[in-house]
């Protein structure tokens, strides 16, 4: 497929709500942070919680296992200051 005929995605992906949103849904700094206006209004605590759960999901392999080298990172989340993250 030639470069001219490739399908282009419009907008940006918000990592917090996991959606592809229009450019208008992002503030000036939101584009670089990949965080839409709706999610940026959630508050610092909620954003930190979503980031921590996203990082924990990244520790898993495609078949749901945690590699030996990443167990230490998981243990850090078990001692996290936020009770929701520990749960």
N, C-alpha and C. Protein backbone atom coordinates (compact mmCIF):
# COMPACT_ATOMS: atom_id res chain seq x y z
N UNK A 1 0.85 -1.17 0.00
CA UNK A 1 0.00 0.00 0.00
C UNK A 1 0.89 1.23 0.00
N UNK A 2 0.62 2.15 -0.88
CA UNK A 2 1.45 3.34 -0.97
C UNK A 2 1.19 4.26 0.21
N UNK A 3 2.09 5.16 0.44
CA UNK A 3 2.03 6.07 1.58
C UNK A 3 0.83 7.00 1.49
N UNK A 4 0.43 7.37 0.27
CA UNK A 4 -0.67 8.31 0.08
C UNK A 4 -2.01 7.71 0.49
N UNK A 5 -2.16 6.39 0.36
CA UNK A 5 -3.45 5.76 0.56
C UNK A 5 -3.61 5.10 1.92
N UNK A 6 -2.69 5.33 2.84
CA UNK A 6 -2.81 4.75 4.16
C UNK A 6 -3.91 5.45 4.95
N UNK A 7 -4.65 4.67 5.72
CA UNK A 7 -5.71 5.24 6.54
C UNK A 7 -5.09 5.98 7.72
N UNK A 8 -5.50 7.22 7.92
CA UNK A 8 -4.94 8.02 8.99
C UNK A 8 -5.92 8.06 10.15
N UNK A 9 -5.39 7.97 11.34
CA UNK A 9 -6.20 8.13 12.53
C UNK A 9 -6.26 9.61 12.88
N UNK A 10 -7.41 10.05 13.32
CA UNK A 10 -7.55 11.45 13.70
C UNK A 10 -7.58 11.57 15.21
N UNK A 11 -7.00 12.62 15.70
CA UNK A 11 -7.02 12.86 17.13
C UNK A 11 -5.86 12.21 17.86
N UNK A 12 -6.05 12.02 19.14
CA UNK A 12 -5.02 11.44 20.00
C UNK A 12 -5.63 10.37 20.88
N UNK A 13 -4.77 9.51 21.41
CA UNK A 13 -5.22 8.45 22.31
C UNK A 13 -5.02 8.93 23.74
N UNK A 14 -6.08 8.85 24.56
CA UNK A 14 -5.98 9.19 25.97
C UNK A 14 -5.69 7.90 26.74
N UNK A 15 -4.56 7.86 27.43
CA UNK A 15 -4.18 6.64 28.13
C UNK A 15 -5.08 6.36 29.33
N UNK A 16 -5.69 7.39 29.89
CA UNK A 16 -6.49 7.22 31.09
C UNK A 16 -7.83 6.56 30.81
N UNK A 17 -8.55 7.05 29.81
CA UNK A 17 -9.86 6.47 29.49
C UNK A 17 -9.78 5.47 28.34
N UNK A 18 -8.59 5.26 27.80
CA UNK A 18 -8.34 4.26 26.75
C UNK A 18 -9.16 4.51 25.50
N UNK A 19 -9.32 5.80 25.12
CA UNK A 19 -10.11 6.13 23.94
C UNK A 19 -9.33 7.02 22.99
N UNK A 20 -9.65 6.90 21.72
CA UNK A 20 -9.13 7.79 20.70
C UNK A 20 -10.07 8.98 20.63
N UNK A 21 -9.59 10.14 20.99
CA UNK A 21 -10.44 11.33 21.10
C UNK A 21 -10.02 12.37 20.06
N UNK A 22 -10.93 13.26 19.73
CA UNK A 22 -10.66 14.33 18.77
C UNK A 22 -9.66 15.32 19.37
N UNK A 23 -8.97 16.05 18.52
CA UNK A 23 -7.99 17.03 18.98
C UNK A 23 -8.61 18.07 19.91
N UNK A 24 -9.86 18.40 19.68
CA UNK A 24 -10.53 19.41 20.49
C UNK A 24 -10.76 18.95 21.92
N UNK A 25 -10.70 17.67 22.17
CA UNK A 25 -10.91 17.13 23.52
C UNK A 25 -9.65 17.20 24.37
N UNK A 26 -8.57 17.74 23.83
CA UNK A 26 -7.31 17.86 24.55
C UNK A 26 -6.97 19.33 24.73
N UNK A 27 -6.41 19.67 25.88
CA UNK A 27 -5.94 21.03 26.08
C UNK A 27 -4.57 21.16 25.41
N UNK A 28 -3.97 22.32 25.52
CA UNK A 28 -2.65 22.53 24.90
C UNK A 28 -1.61 21.58 25.45
N UNK A 29 -1.59 21.41 26.77
CA UNK A 29 -0.63 20.48 27.38
C UNK A 29 -1.13 19.05 27.33
N UNK A 30 -2.43 18.86 27.15
CA UNK A 30 -3.00 17.52 27.14
C UNK A 30 -2.52 16.67 25.99
N UNK A 31 -2.18 17.31 24.87
CA UNK A 31 -1.68 16.56 23.72
C UNK A 31 -0.40 15.81 24.08
N UNK A 32 0.52 16.53 24.70
CA UNK A 32 1.82 15.94 25.04
C UNK A 32 1.68 14.91 26.16
N UNK A 33 0.77 15.14 27.10
CA UNK A 33 0.59 14.22 28.22
C UNK A 33 -0.31 13.05 27.86
N UNK A 34 -0.97 13.13 26.69
CA UNK A 34 -1.91 12.10 26.23
C UNK A 34 -3.03 11.91 27.25
N UNK A 35 -3.55 13.03 27.73
CA UNK A 35 -4.61 13.03 28.73
C UNK A 35 -5.68 14.01 28.28
N UNK A 36 -6.89 13.52 28.05
CA UNK A 36 -7.96 14.38 27.54
C UNK A 36 -8.46 15.32 28.64
N UNK A 37 -9.25 16.31 28.24
CA UNK A 37 -9.76 17.30 29.19
C UNK A 37 -10.62 16.66 30.27
N UNK A 38 -11.46 15.70 29.87
CA UNK A 38 -12.33 15.04 30.85
C UNK A 38 -11.52 14.32 31.92
N UNK A 39 -10.49 13.61 31.51
CA UNK A 39 -9.67 12.86 32.47
C UNK A 39 -8.79 13.77 33.30
N UNK A 40 -8.35 14.88 32.74
CA UNK A 40 -7.49 15.80 33.50
C UNK A 40 -8.28 16.48 34.62
N UNK A 41 -9.60 16.50 34.53
CA UNK A 41 -10.44 17.07 35.58
C UNK A 41 -10.68 16.10 36.74
N UNK A 42 -10.28 14.87 36.60
CA UNK A 42 -10.56 13.86 37.62
C UNK A 42 -9.87 14.12 38.94
N UNK A 43 -8.75 14.76 38.91
CA UNK A 43 -8.00 15.02 40.14
C UNK A 43 -6.73 14.19 40.16
N UNK A 44 -5.78 14.67 40.90
CA UNK A 44 -4.45 14.05 40.93
C UNK A 44 -4.49 12.63 41.49
N UNK A 45 -5.28 12.42 42.53
CA UNK A 45 -5.33 11.10 43.16
C UNK A 45 -5.88 10.04 42.20
N UNK A 46 -6.94 10.36 41.49
CA UNK A 46 -7.54 9.41 40.54
C UNK A 46 -6.61 9.14 39.37
N UNK A 47 -5.93 10.17 38.89
CA UNK A 47 -5.00 9.99 37.77
C UNK A 47 -3.83 9.11 38.21
N UNK A 48 -3.31 9.33 39.42
CA UNK A 48 -2.22 8.50 39.94
C UNK A 48 -2.67 7.05 40.10
N UNK A 49 -3.92 6.85 40.53
CA UNK A 49 -4.45 5.49 40.66
C UNK A 49 -4.53 4.80 39.30
N UNK A 50 -5.04 5.51 38.31
CA UNK A 50 -5.15 4.92 36.97
C UNK A 50 -3.77 4.61 36.40
N UNK A 51 -2.80 5.49 36.65
CA UNK A 51 -1.43 5.24 36.16
C UNK A 51 -0.83 4.02 36.84
N UNK A 52 -1.06 3.87 38.14
CA UNK A 52 -0.51 2.72 38.87
C UNK A 52 -1.13 1.41 38.38
N UNK A 53 -2.45 1.39 38.17
CA UNK A 53 -3.08 0.17 37.68
C UNK A 53 -2.63 -0.14 36.26
N UNK A 54 -2.41 0.89 35.47
CA UNK A 54 -1.90 0.68 34.10
C UNK A 54 -0.49 0.08 34.14
N UNK A 55 0.35 0.58 35.04
CA UNK A 55 1.70 0.05 35.17
C UNK A 55 1.69 -1.40 35.66
N UNK A 56 0.75 -1.72 36.56
CA UNK A 56 0.65 -3.11 37.02
C UNK A 56 0.21 -4.03 35.89
N UNK A 57 -0.69 -3.58 35.05
CA UNK A 57 -1.10 -4.38 33.90
C UNK A 57 0.06 -4.64 32.96
N UNK A 58 0.97 -3.71 32.88
CA UNK A 58 2.14 -3.87 32.01
C UNK A 58 3.13 -4.90 32.55
N UNK A 59 3.03 -5.22 33.83
CA UNK A 59 3.92 -6.24 34.41
C UNK A 59 3.58 -7.64 33.90
N UNK A 60 2.33 -7.82 33.48
CA UNK A 60 1.87 -9.14 33.02
C UNK A 60 2.30 -9.41 31.60
N UNK A 61 2.59 -10.66 31.32
CA UNK A 61 2.85 -11.07 29.94
C UNK A 61 1.52 -11.33 29.27
N UNK A 62 1.57 -11.68 28.00
CA UNK A 62 0.34 -11.89 27.23
C UNK A 62 -0.49 -13.04 27.77
N UNK A 63 0.14 -14.00 28.45
CA UNK A 63 -0.61 -15.13 28.98
C UNK A 63 -0.92 -14.97 30.48
N UNK A 64 -0.74 -13.77 31.03
CA UNK A 64 -1.15 -13.48 32.39
C UNK A 64 -0.14 -13.83 33.46
N UNK A 65 1.09 -14.02 33.09
CA UNK A 65 2.14 -14.36 34.07
C UNK A 65 3.00 -13.14 34.36
N UNK A 66 3.65 -13.18 35.52
CA UNK A 66 4.59 -12.12 35.89
C UNK A 66 5.98 -12.72 35.87
N UNK A 67 6.87 -12.11 35.15
CA UNK A 67 8.24 -12.63 35.05
C UNK A 67 8.98 -12.44 36.36
N UNK A 68 9.95 -13.29 36.59
CA UNK A 68 10.71 -13.29 37.83
C UNK A 68 11.37 -11.93 38.09
N UNK A 69 11.86 -11.28 37.06
CA UNK A 69 12.52 -10.00 37.21
C UNK A 69 11.58 -8.86 37.58
N UNK A 70 10.30 -9.07 37.39
CA UNK A 70 9.32 -8.01 37.67
C UNK A 70 8.58 -8.21 38.98
N UNK A 71 8.90 -9.25 39.71
CA UNK A 71 8.24 -9.49 41.00
C UNK A 71 8.53 -8.39 42.00
N UNK A 72 9.73 -7.84 41.97
CA UNK A 72 10.08 -6.78 42.89
C UNK A 72 9.22 -5.54 42.64
N UNK A 73 8.96 -5.23 41.37
CA UNK A 73 8.09 -4.10 41.04
C UNK A 73 6.68 -4.34 41.57
N UNK A 74 6.20 -5.57 41.45
CA UNK A 74 4.86 -5.90 41.95
C UNK A 74 4.81 -5.74 43.47
N UNK A 75 5.85 -6.15 44.17
CA UNK A 75 5.88 -6.02 45.62
C UNK A 75 5.84 -4.56 46.05
N UNK A 76 6.41 -3.67 45.25
CA UNK A 76 6.34 -2.24 45.56
C UNK A 76 4.90 -1.75 45.49
N UNK A 77 4.12 -2.29 44.56
CA UNK A 77 2.72 -1.89 44.46
C UNK A 77 1.90 -2.47 45.62
N UNK A 78 2.33 -3.58 46.19
CA UNK A 78 1.64 -4.15 47.35
C UNK A 78 1.86 -3.30 48.60
N UNK A 79 2.89 -2.46 48.59
CA UNK A 79 3.19 -1.57 49.71
C UNK A 79 2.82 -0.12 49.37
N UNK A 80 2.06 0.08 48.31
CA UNK A 80 1.74 1.42 47.82
C UNK A 80 0.94 2.19 48.87
N UNK A 81 1.10 3.51 48.87
CA UNK A 81 0.40 4.36 49.85
C UNK A 81 -1.10 4.39 49.64
N UNK A 82 -1.55 4.22 48.39
CA UNK A 82 -2.97 4.24 48.08
C UNK A 82 -3.59 2.87 48.33
N UNK A 83 -4.63 2.83 49.13
CA UNK A 83 -5.27 1.55 49.48
C UNK A 83 -5.89 0.87 48.27
N UNK A 84 -6.43 1.66 47.34
CA UNK A 84 -7.03 1.07 46.13
C UNK A 84 -5.98 0.37 45.27
N UNK A 85 -4.77 0.90 45.22
CA UNK A 85 -3.69 0.28 44.44
C UNK A 85 -3.27 -1.02 45.11
N UNK A 86 -3.15 -1.00 46.43
CA UNK A 86 -2.76 -2.22 47.15
C UNK A 86 -3.78 -3.34 46.95
N UNK A 87 -5.06 -2.99 46.90
CA UNK A 87 -6.12 -4.00 46.73
C UNK A 87 -6.01 -4.63 45.36
